[in-house]
Amino acid sequence: MNFEEIARELNISRVRVGQIYKSALKKLAHPKNKEKWREIMDTLEALEEQRVKKENLMQGERK
């Protein structure tokens, strides 16, 4: 979705959507959230590793 579509859906201006977006990015990038993001990234990495292992096992069974 682009800002225009979001604005229409929420009945707010496109400019306001941009302001909210900018504010959210600022909050997400704040140093106090660094450890939270590290945990999230570690979890995503572990999930991806599990997915790849499962995919490789399934491909091995097909041969």
PDB file of N, CA and C in Angstrom:
ATOM      1  N   MET A   1       0.844  -1.188   0.000  1.00  0.00           N
ATOM      2  CA  MET A   1       0.000   0.000   0.000  1.00  0.00           C
ATOM      3  C   MET A   1       0.883   1.244   0.000  1.00  0.00           C
ATOM      4  N   ASN A   2       0.483   2.218  -0.754  1.00  0.00           N
ATOM      5  CA  ASN A   2       1.213   3.478  -0.714  1.00  0.00           C
ATOM      6  C   ASN A   2       0.501   4.460   0.224  1.00  0.00           C
ATOM      7  N   PHE A   3       1.125   5.615   0.453  1.00  0.00           N
ATOM      8  CA  PHE A   3       0.558   6.584   1.392  1.00  0.00           C
ATOM      9  C   PHE A   3      -0.843   7.027   0.975  1.00  0.00           C
ATOM     10  N   GLU A   4      -1.058   7.178  -0.305  1.00  0.00           N
ATOM     11  CA  GLU A   4      -2.368   7.614  -0.804  1.00  0.00           C
ATOM     12  C   GLU A   4      -3.451   6.599  -0.448  1.00  0.00           C
ATOM     13  N   GLU A   5      -3.167   5.330  -0.653  1.00  0.00           N
ATOM     14  CA  GLU A   5      -4.137   4.273  -0.336  1.00  0.00           C
ATOM     15  C   GLU A   5      -4.404   4.194   1.164  1.00  0.00           C
ATOM     16  N   ILE A   6      -3.359   4.332   1.955  1.00  0.00           N
ATOM     17  CA  ILE A   6      -3.518   4.305   3.410  1.00  0.00           C
ATOM     18  C   ILE A   6      -4.359   5.493   3.860  1.00  0.00           C
ATOM     19  N   ALA A   7      -4.073   6.657   3.308  1.00  0.00           N
ATOM     20  CA  ALA A   7      -4.823   7.865   3.658  1.00  0.00           C
ATOM     21  C   ALA A   7      -6.303   7.698   3.350  1.00  0.00           C
ATOM     22  N   ARG A   8      -6.597   7.152   2.201  1.00  0.00           N
ATOM     23  CA  ARG A   8      -7.988   6.931   1.818  1.00  0.00           C
ATOM     24  C   ARG A   8      -8.669   5.961   2.781  1.00  0.00           C
ATOM     25  N   GLU A   9      -7.981   4.876   3.097  1.00  0.00           N
ATOM     26  CA  GLU A   9      -8.534   3.852   3.985  1.00  0.00           C
ATOM     27  C   GLU A   9      -8.809   4.400   5.382  1.00  0.00           C
ATOM     28  N   LEU A  10      -7.908   5.255   5.880  1.00  0.00           N
ATOM     29  CA  LEU A  10      -8.033   5.789   7.243  1.00  0.00           C
ATOM     30  C   LEU A  10      -8.732   7.146   7.298  1.00  0.00           C
ATOM     31  N   ASN A  11      -9.070   7.655   6.123  1.00  0.00           N
ATOM     32  CA  ASN A  11      -9.743   8.950   6.022  1.00  0.00           C
ATOM     33  C   ASN A  11      -8.906  10.064   6.660  1.00  0.00           C
ATOM     34  N   ILE A  12      -7.610  10.063   6.340  1.00  0.00           N
ATOM     35  CA  ILE A  12      -6.700  11.119   6.761  1.00  0.00           C
ATOM     36  C   ILE A  12      -5.907  11.558   5.536  1.00  0.00           C
ATOM     37  N   SER A  13      -5.170  12.655   5.684  1.00  0.00           N
ATOM     38  CA  SER A  13      -4.423  13.150   4.526  1.00  0.00           C
ATOM     39  C   SER A  13      -3.168  12.313   4.276  1.00  0.00           C
ATOM     40  N   ARG A  14      -2.714  12.381   3.043  1.00  0.00           N
ATOM     41  CA  ARG A  14      -1.479  11.697   2.666  1.00  0.00           C
ATOM     42  C   ARG A  14      -0.307  12.270   3.452  1.00  0.00           C
ATOM     43  N   VAL A  15      -0.340  13.577   3.687  1.00  0.00           N
ATOM     44  CA  VAL A  15       0.710  14.233   4.469  1.00  0.00           C
ATOM     45  C   VAL A  15       0.727  13.681   5.892  1.00  0.00           C
ATOM     46  N   ARG A  16      -0.464  13.486   6.476  1.00  0.00           N
ATOM     47  CA  ARG A  16      -0.540  12.947   7.840  1.00  0.00           C
ATOM     48  C   ARG A  16       0.005  11.523   7.887  1.00  0.00           C
ATOM     49  N   VAL A  17      -0.276  10.741   6.871  1.00  0.00           N
ATOM     50  CA  VAL A  17       0.272   9.384   6.805  1.00  0.00           C
ATOM     51  C   VAL A  17       1.797   9.461   6.805  1.00  0.00           C
ATOM     52  N   GLY A  18       2.349  10.375   6.037  1.00  0.00           N
ATOM     53  CA  GLY A  18       3.800  10.552   5.995  1.00  0.00           C
ATOM     54  C   GLY A  18       4.368  10.958   7.345  1.00  0.00           C
ATOM     55  N   GLN A  19       3.650  11.827   8.053  1.00  0.00           N
ATOM     56  CA  GLN A  19       4.096  12.252   9.380  1.00  0.00           C
ATOM     57  C   GLN A  19       4.116  11.071  10.349  1.00  0.00           C
ATOM     58  N   ILE A  20       3.070  10.274  10.322  1.00  0.00           N
ATOM     59  CA  ILE A  20       2.985   9.103  11.200  1.00  0.00           C
ATOM     60  C   ILE A  20       4.098   8.120  10.860  1.00  0.00           C
ATOM     61  N   TYR A  21       4.324   7.916   9.579  1.00  0.00           N
ATOM     62  CA  TYR A  21       5.383   7.013   9.112  1.00  0.00           C
ATOM     63  C   TYR A  21       6.747   7.473   9.622  1.00  0.00           C
ATOM     64  N   LYS A  22       7.029   8.755   9.450  1.00  0.00           N
ATOM     65  CA  LYS A  22       8.311   9.312   9.878  1.00  0.00           C
ATOM     66  C   LYS A  22       8.492   9.160  11.388  1.00  0.00           C
ATOM     67  N   SER A  23       7.438   9.421  12.141  1.00  0.00           N
ATOM     68  CA  SER A  23       7.487   9.286  13.597  1.00  0.00           C
ATOM     69  C   SER A  23       7.737   7.835  14.011  1.00  0.00           C
ATOM     70  N   ALA A  24       7.074   6.913  13.335  1.00  0.00           N
ATOM     71  CA  ALA A  24       7.237   5.490  13.651  1.00  0.00           C
ATOM     72  C   ALA A  24       8.670   5.038  13.377  1.00  0.00           C
ATOM     73  N   LEU A  25       9.225   5.454  12.251  1.00  0.00           N
ATOM     74  CA  LEU A  25      10.609   5.084  11.933  1.00  0.00           C
ATOM     75  C   LEU A  25      11.581   5.630  12.968  1.00  0.00           C
ATOM     76  N   LYS A  26      11.325   6.856  13.417  1.00  0.00           N
ATOM     77  CA  LYS A  26      12.184   7.472  14.427  1.00  0.00           C
ATOM     78  C   LYS A  26      12.149   6.658  15.721  1.00  0.00           C
ATOM     79  N   LYS A  27      10.955   6.233  16.121  1.00  0.00           N
ATOM     80  CA  LYS A  27      10.815   5.432  17.341  1.00  0.00           C
ATOM     81  C   LYS A  27      11.493   4.073  17.182  1.00  0.00           C
ATOM     82  N   LEU A  28      11.313   3.450  16.037  1.00  0.00           N
ATOM     83  CA  LEU A  28      11.918   2.138  15.805  1.00  0.00           C
ATOM     84  C   LEU A  28      13.441   2.201  15.791  1.00  0.00           C
ATOM     85  N   ALA A  29      13.980   3.316  15.336  1.00  0.00           N
ATOM     86  CA  ALA A  29      15.427   3.462  15.219  1.00  0.00           C
ATOM     87  C   ALA A  29      16.092   3.938  16.512  1.00  0.00           C
ATOM     88  N   HIS A  30      15.305   4.270  17.517  1.00  0.00           N
ATOM     89  CA  HIS A  30      15.865   4.796  18.768  1.00  0.00           C
ATOM     90  C   HIS A  30      16.802   3.763  19.400  1.00  0.00           C
ATOM     91  N   PRO A  31      17.939   4.223  19.928  1.00  0.00           N
ATOM     92  CA  PRO A  31      18.919   3.296  20.525  1.00  0.00           C
ATOM     93  C   PRO A  31      18.359   2.401  21.629  1.00  0.00           C
ATOM     94  N   LYS A  32      17.343   2.860  22.341  1.00  0.00           N
ATOM     95  CA  LYS A  32      16.783   2.036  23.421  1.00  0.00           C
ATOM     96  C   LYS A  32      16.167   0.743  22.886  1.00  0.00           C
ATOM     97  N   ASN A  33      15.858   0.718  21.597  1.00  0.00           N
ATOM     98  CA  ASN A  33      15.240  -0.462  20.989  1.00  0.00           C
ATOM     99  C   ASN A  33      16.251  -1.408  20.341  1.00  0.00           C
ATOM    100  N   LYS A  34      17.527  -1.072  20.452  1.00  0.00           N
ATOM    101  CA  LYS A  34      18.566  -1.855  19.776  1.00  0.00           C
ATOM    102  C   LYS A  34      18.542  -3.329  20.191  1.00  0.00           C
ATOM    103  N   GLU A  35      18.455  -3.599  21.488  1.00  0.00           N
ATOM    104  CA  GLU A  35      18.463  -4.982  21.965  1.00  0.00           C
ATOM    105  C   GLU A  35      17.204  -5.723  21.521  1.00  0.00           C
ATOM    106  N   LYS A  36      16.070  -5.036  21.519  1.00  0.00           N
ATOM    107  CA  LYS A  36      14.826  -5.667  21.057  1.00  0.00           C
ATOM    108  C   LYS A  36      14.956  -6.086  19.595  1.00  0.00           C
ATOM    109  N   TRP A  37      15.533  -5.188  18.779  1.00  0.00           N
ATOM    110  CA  TRP A  37      15.711  -5.506  17.360  1.00  0.00           C
ATOM    111  C   TRP A  37      16.690  -6.657  17.175  1.00  0.00           C
ATOM    112  N   ARG A  38      17.735  -6.702  18.012  1.00  0.00           N
ATOM    113  CA  ARG A  38      18.707  -7.795  17.927  1.00  0.00           C
ATOM    114  C   ARG A  38      18.006  -9.122  18.191  1.00  0.00           C
ATOM    115  N   GLU A  39      17.137  -9.165  19.215  1.00  0.00           N
ATOM    116  CA  GLU A  39      16.392 -10.379  19.532  1.00  0.00           C
ATOM    117  C   GLU A  39      15.475 -10.778  18.375  1.00  0.00           C
ATOM    118  N   ILE A  40      14.817  -9.801  17.790  1.00  0.00           N
ATOM    119  CA  ILE A  40      13.925 -10.077  16.659  1.00  0.00           C
ATOM    120  C   ILE A  40      14.724 -10.638  15.485  1.00  0.00           C
ATOM    121  N   MET A  41      15.859 -10.009  15.181  1.00  0.00           N
ATOM    122  CA  MET A  41      16.677 -10.460  14.059  1.00  0.00           C
ATOM    123  C   MET A  41      17.238 -11.859  14.311  1.00  0.00           C
ATOM    124  N   ASP A  42      17.647 -12.130  15.548  1.00  0.00           N
ATOM    125  CA  ASP A  42      18.142 -13.468  15.886  1.00  0.00           C
ATOM    126  C   ASP A  42      17.049 -14.516  15.696  1.00  0.00           C
ATOM    127  N   THR A  43      15.838 -14.184  16.118  1.00  0.00           N
ATOM    128  CA  THR A  43      14.707 -15.104  15.965  1.00  0.00           C
ATOM    129  C   THR A  43      14.408 -15.351  14.494  1.00  0.00           C
ATOM    130  N   LEU A  44      14.382 -14.287  13.699  1.00  0.00           N
ATOM    131  CA  LEU A  44      14.129 -14.439  12.266  1.00  0.00           C
ATOM    132  C   LEU A  44      15.209 -15.286  11.598  1.00  0.00           C
ATOM    133  N   GLU A  45      16.448 -15.084  12.006  1.00  0.00           N
ATOM    134  CA  GLU A  45      17.553 -15.867  11.446  1.00  0.00           C
ATOM    135  C   GLU A  45      17.399 -17.349  11.787  1.00  0.00           C
ATOM    136  N   ALA A  46      17.026 -17.633  13.030  1.00  0.00           N
ATOM    137  CA  ALA A  46      16.830 -19.027  13.448  1.00  0.00           C
ATOM    138  C   ALA A  46      15.675 -19.666  12.679  1.00  0.00           C
ATOM    139  N   LEU A  47      14.605 -18.917  12.484  1.00  0.00           N
ATOM    140  CA  LEU A  47      13.466 -19.437  11.726  1.00  0.00           C
ATOM    141  C   LEU A  47      13.853 -19.734  10.283  1.00  0.00           C
ATOM    142  N   GLU A  48      14.643 -18.862   9.693  1.00  0.00           N
ATOM    143  CA  GLU A  48      15.088 -19.067   8.312  1.00  0.00           C
ATOM    144  C   GLU A  48      15.974 -20.304   8.216  1.00  0.00           C
ATOM    145  N   GLU A  49      16.853 -20.488   9.190  1.00  0.00           N
ATOM    146  CA  GLU A  49      17.709 -21.678   9.194  1.00  0.00           C
ATOM    147  C   GLU A  49      16.869 -22.948   9.286  1.00  0.00           C
ATOM    148  N   GLN A  50      15.847 -22.931  10.130  1.00  0.00           N
ATOM    149  CA  GLN A  50      14.961 -24.088  10.264  1.00  0.00           C
ATOM    150  C   GLN A  50      14.211 -24.355   8.962  1.00  0.00           C
ATOM    151  N   ARG A  51      13.764 -23.283   8.309  1.00  0.00           N
ATOM    152  CA  ARG A  51      13.036 -23.431   7.046  1.00  0.00           C
ATOM    153  C   ARG A  51      13.925 -24.071   5.986  1.00  0.00           C
ATOM    154  N   VAL A  52      15.167 -23.605   5.904  1.00  0.00           N
ATOM    155  CA  VAL A  52      16.105 -24.141   4.913  1.00  0.00           C
ATOM    156  C   VAL A  52      16.398 -25.610   5.199  1.00  0.00           C
ATOM    157  N   LYS A  53      16.616 -25.955   6.463  1.00  0.00           N
ATOM    158  CA  LYS A  53      16.873 -27.355   6.823  1.00  0.00           C
ATOM    159  C   LYS A  53      15.695 -28.237   6.436  1.00  0.00           C
ATOM    160  N   LYS A  54      14.488 -27.773   6.745  1.00  0.00           N
ATOM    161  CA  LYS A  54      13.287 -28.543   6.417  1.00  0.00           C
ATOM    162  C   LYS A  54      13.160 -28.710   4.905  1.00  0.00           C
ATOM    163  N   GLU A  55      13.409 -27.635   4.173  1.00  0.00           N
ATOM    164  CA  GLU A  55      13.331 -27.676   2.710  1.00  0.00           C
ATOM    165  C   GLU A  55      14.356 -28.660   2.146  1.00  0.00           C
ATOM    166  N   ASN A  56      15.562 -28.627   2.688  1.00  0.00           N
ATOM    167  CA  ASN A  56      16.615 -29.542   2.227  1.00  0.00           C
ATOM    168  C   ASN A  56      16.251 -30.992   2.520  1.00  0.00           C
ATOM    169  N   LEU A  57      15.670 -31.244   3.691  1.00  0.00           N
ATOM    170  CA  LEU A  57      15.238 -32.601   4.029  1.00  0.00           C
ATOM    171  C   LEU A  57      14.160 -33.086   3.064  1.00  0.00           C
ATOM    172  N   MET A  58      13.212 -32.204   2.761  1.00  0.00           N
ATOM    173  CA  MET A  58      12.121 -32.578   1.858  1.00  0.00           C
ATOM    174  C   MET A  58      12.653 -32.850   0.457  1.00  0.00           C
ATOM    175  N   GLN A  59      13.623 -32.074   0.007  1.00  0.00           N
ATOM    176  CA  GLN A  59      14.208 -32.298  -1.315  1.00  0.00           C
ATOM    177  C   GLN A  59      14.984 -33.604  -1.339  1.00  0.00           C
ATOM    178  N   GLY A  60      15.631 -33.935  -0.235  1.00  0.00           N
ATOM    179  CA  GLY A  60      16.369 -35.189  -0.137  1.00  0.00           C
ATOM    180  C   GLY A  60      15.451 -36.394  -0.205  1.00  0.00           C
ATOM    181  N   GLU A  61      14.256 -36.274   0.344  1.00  0.00           N
ATOM    182  CA  GLU A  61      13.286 -37.371   0.322  1.00  0.00           C
ATOM    183  C   GLU A  61      12.732 -37.598  -1.080  1.00  0.00           C
ATOM    184  N   ARG A  62      12.706 -36.568  -1.896  1.00  0.00           N
ATOM    185  CA  ARG A  62      12.158 -36.680  -3.254  1.00  0.00           C
ATOM    186  C   ARG A  62      13.094 -37.428  -4.187  1.00  0.00           C
ATOM    187  N   LYS A  63      14.369 -37.446  -3.867  1.00  0.00           N
ATOM    188  CA  LYS A  63      15.360 -38.064  -4.769  1.00  0.00           C
ATOM    189  C   LYS A  63      15.335 -39.559  -4.693  1.00  0.00           C
TER     190      LYS A  63
END
